[in-house]
Protein backbone atom coordinates (compact mmCIF):
# COMPACT_ATOMS: atom_id res chain seq x y z
CA MET A 1 4.98 -2.14 18.82
CA THR A 2 1.51 -1.68 19.84
CA ALA A 3 -1.48 -2.32 17.66
CA SER A 4 -2.22 1.35 17.56
CA ARG A 5 1.38 2.10 16.33
CA ARG A 6 1.37 -0.37 13.48
CA ASP A 7 1.97 1.03 10.09
CA PRO A 8 -1.27 1.15 8.19
CA HIS A 9 0.63 1.17 4.83
CA ALA A 10 2.92 -2.09 5.68
CA PRO A 11 0.41 -4.46 3.96
CA ARG A 12 0.55 -2.37 0.79
CA ARG A 13 4.19 -2.20 0.76
CA ARG A 14 4.57 -6.01 1.55
CA GLY A 15 2.20 -6.52 -1.61
CA ALA A 16 4.21 -4.20 -3.92
CA ALA A 17 7.42 -5.97 -2.78
CA ALA A 18 5.85 -9.51 -3.37
CA GLU A 19 4.61 -8.05 -7.07
CA ARG A 20 8.16 -7.04 -7.58
CA LEU A 21 9.66 -10.33 -6.73
CA ALA A 22 7.21 -12.00 -8.78
CA GLU A 23 7.64 -9.92 -11.90
CA ALA A 24 11.60 -10.34 -11.51
CA HIS A 25 10.96 -14.12 -11.31
CA LEU A 26 8.72 -13.96 -14.48
CA VAL A 27 11.22 -11.83 -16.27
CA ALA A 28 14.10 -14.34 -15.51
CA ALA A 29 11.92 -17.06 -17.00
CA GLY A 30 11.57 -15.29 -20.26
CA TRP A 31 8.34 -13.33 -19.62
CA PHE A 32 7.80 -9.80 -20.91
CA PRO A 33 5.88 -7.47 -18.76
CA LEU A 34 2.96 -5.80 -20.32
CA ALA A 35 1.15 -4.13 -17.64
CA ARG A 36 1.12 -3.90 -13.71
CA ASN A 37 -1.89 -3.41 -11.55
CA HIS A 38 -4.56 -2.98 -14.48
CA SER A 39 -7.75 -2.14 -12.66
CA CYS A 40 -11.22 -1.23 -13.71
CA ARG A 41 -14.31 -1.08 -11.85
CA GLU A 42 -15.03 -4.76 -11.98
CA GLY A 43 -11.58 -5.85 -10.68
CA GLU A 44 -7.75 -5.72 -10.71
CA VAL A 45 -4.98 -7.86 -12.22
CA ASP A 46 -1.40 -7.72 -10.77
CA LEU A 47 0.61 -8.47 -13.69
CA VAL A 48 0.10 -8.95 -17.34
CA VAL A 49 3.01 -10.88 -19.02
CA ALA A 50 3.70 -12.38 -22.43
CA ARG A 51 5.70 -14.97 -23.76
CA ALA A 52 5.77 -17.20 -27.19
CA GLY A 53 2.04 -15.99 -27.99
CA THR A 54 0.67 -16.49 -24.55
CA VAL A 55 -0.56 -13.67 -22.52
CA ALA A 56 -0.80 -14.49 -18.84
CA PHE A 57 -2.85 -12.59 -16.33
CA VAL A 58 -1.07 -13.12 -12.95
CA GLU A 59 -2.42 -12.80 -9.46
CA VAL A 60 0.54 -12.44 -6.87
CA ARG A 61 -0.23 -13.53 -3.51
CA GLU A 62 2.08 -12.87 -0.49
CA ARG A 63 1.92 -14.98 2.60
CA ARG A 64 4.11 -15.49 5.49
CA ARG A 65 5.83 -18.68 6.30
CA GLY A 66 3.37 -21.03 8.27
CA ALA A 67 0.30 -19.07 7.35
CA ALA A 68 -2.80 -20.84 7.85
CA VAL A 69 -4.15 -20.18 4.29
CA ASP A 70 -2.23 -21.49 1.38
CA PRO A 71 -1.62 -18.74 -1.02
CA LEU A 72 -2.99 -20.51 -3.87
CA ARG A 73 -6.13 -21.40 -2.18
CA SER A 74 -6.72 -17.93 -1.17
CA VAL A 75 -7.74 -17.06 -4.88
CA THR A 76 -11.27 -17.69 -4.41
CA ARG A 77 -13.82 -17.92 -7.10
CA ALA A 78 -15.24 -14.47 -6.70
CA LYS A 79 -11.57 -13.26 -6.75
CA GLN A 80 -11.13 -15.33 -9.87
CA ARG A 81 -14.13 -13.63 -11.53
CA ARG A 82 -12.77 -10.10 -10.71
CA ILE A 83 -9.36 -10.97 -12.22
CA VAL A 84 -11.01 -12.41 -15.43
CA ARG A 85 -13.19 -9.27 -15.73
CA ALA A 86 -10.21 -7.05 -15.24
CA ALA A 87 -8.39 -9.24 -17.78
CA MET A 88 -11.10 -9.03 -20.41
CA ASP A 89 -11.28 -5.06 -19.86
CA TRP A 90 -7.44 -5.22 -20.47
CA VAL A 91 -7.79 -7.11 -23.57
CA ALA A 92 -10.62 -4.69 -24.98
CA ARG A 93 -8.68 -1.59 -24.16
CA THR A 94 -5.27 -2.87 -25.65
CA SER A 95 -6.75 -4.44 -28.80
CA ARG A 96 -6.82 -2.54 -32.00
CA ASP A 97 -10.27 -3.00 -32.92
CA GLY A 98 -11.63 -2.99 -29.34
CA GLN A 99 -12.84 -6.56 -29.43
CA GLY A 100 -9.75 -8.22 -28.27
CA ARG A 101 -8.91 -12.00 -28.82
CA THR A 102 -9.19 -14.41 -26.24
CA GLU A 103 -7.05 -17.41 -27.78
CA GLY A 104 -3.53 -17.69 -26.04
CA LEU A 105 -4.74 -16.17 -22.69
CA ARG A 106 -4.02 -18.02 -19.40
CA PHE A 107 -4.62 -17.14 -15.58
CA ASP A 108 -1.75 -17.76 -13.40
CA VAL A 109 -0.74 -17.21 -9.81
CA VAL A 110 2.42 -16.55 -8.21
CA ALA A 111 2.96 -17.25 -4.65
CA VAL A 112 5.69 -15.43 -2.65
CA THR A 113 6.99 -16.12 0.63
CA PRO A 114 9.17 -13.40 1.76
CA ALA A 115 12.79 -13.90 3.03
CA GLY A 116 13.17 -14.45 6.69
CA ARG A 117 15.44 -15.91 9.34
CA GLY A 118 18.36 -16.30 6.78
CA ARG A 119 16.03 -17.65 4.04
CA PRO A 120 15.72 -16.26 0.80
CA PRO A 121 12.24 -15.45 -0.62
CA GLU A 122 10.42 -18.32 -2.24
CA VAL A 123 8.69 -17.71 -5.47
CA LEU A 124 6.00 -20.45 -6.98
CA HIS A 125 4.62 -19.86 -10.41
CA VAL A 126 1.57 -21.86 -11.11
CA GLU A 127 0.68 -21.61 -14.96
CA GLY A 128 -3.01 -22.05 -15.61
CA ALA A 129 -3.93 -21.93 -12.02
CA PHE A 130 -7.63 -21.17 -13.08
CA ASP A 131 -9.59 -20.58 -16.14
CA ALA A 132 -12.20 -17.97 -17.07
CA SER A 133 -15.05 -20.65 -17.37
CA ALA A 134 -14.08 -22.21 -13.95
CA ALA A 135 -14.39 -18.52 -12.59
CA ASP A 136 -17.82 -18.04 -13.94
CA ARG A 137 -19.32 -21.12 -12.07
CA GLY A 138 -21.04 -20.67 -8.65
CA ASP A 139 -19.20 -20.37 -5.53
């Protein structure tokens, strides 16, 4: 297929498929989904899940096998800041008093490597991959 005939929607579909795999993995591990693709002007968070008093804001990264950039390292400080801002927006919008609590919040990354050549997809859940204070430090 030539470059001019490539499907422009393919990356979005691959990302959505990776998010579905990540969510299924988290649900199987006992997490309860609260939101998907929460976005605001400041950023977006792919998944919001809860388990045992912890709310995790999850960034899902999909990478092909052998990719030059590790999916976990691809979550830059700038991206972390956008995720934290979107997470705080979600907390404020979903809290009863509009202020929101910040204890029991965590930022995770789920790296998804799609199935290929007879291999099943791989899902790696990194709990506490970064924290809000680290995201606020300079790049």
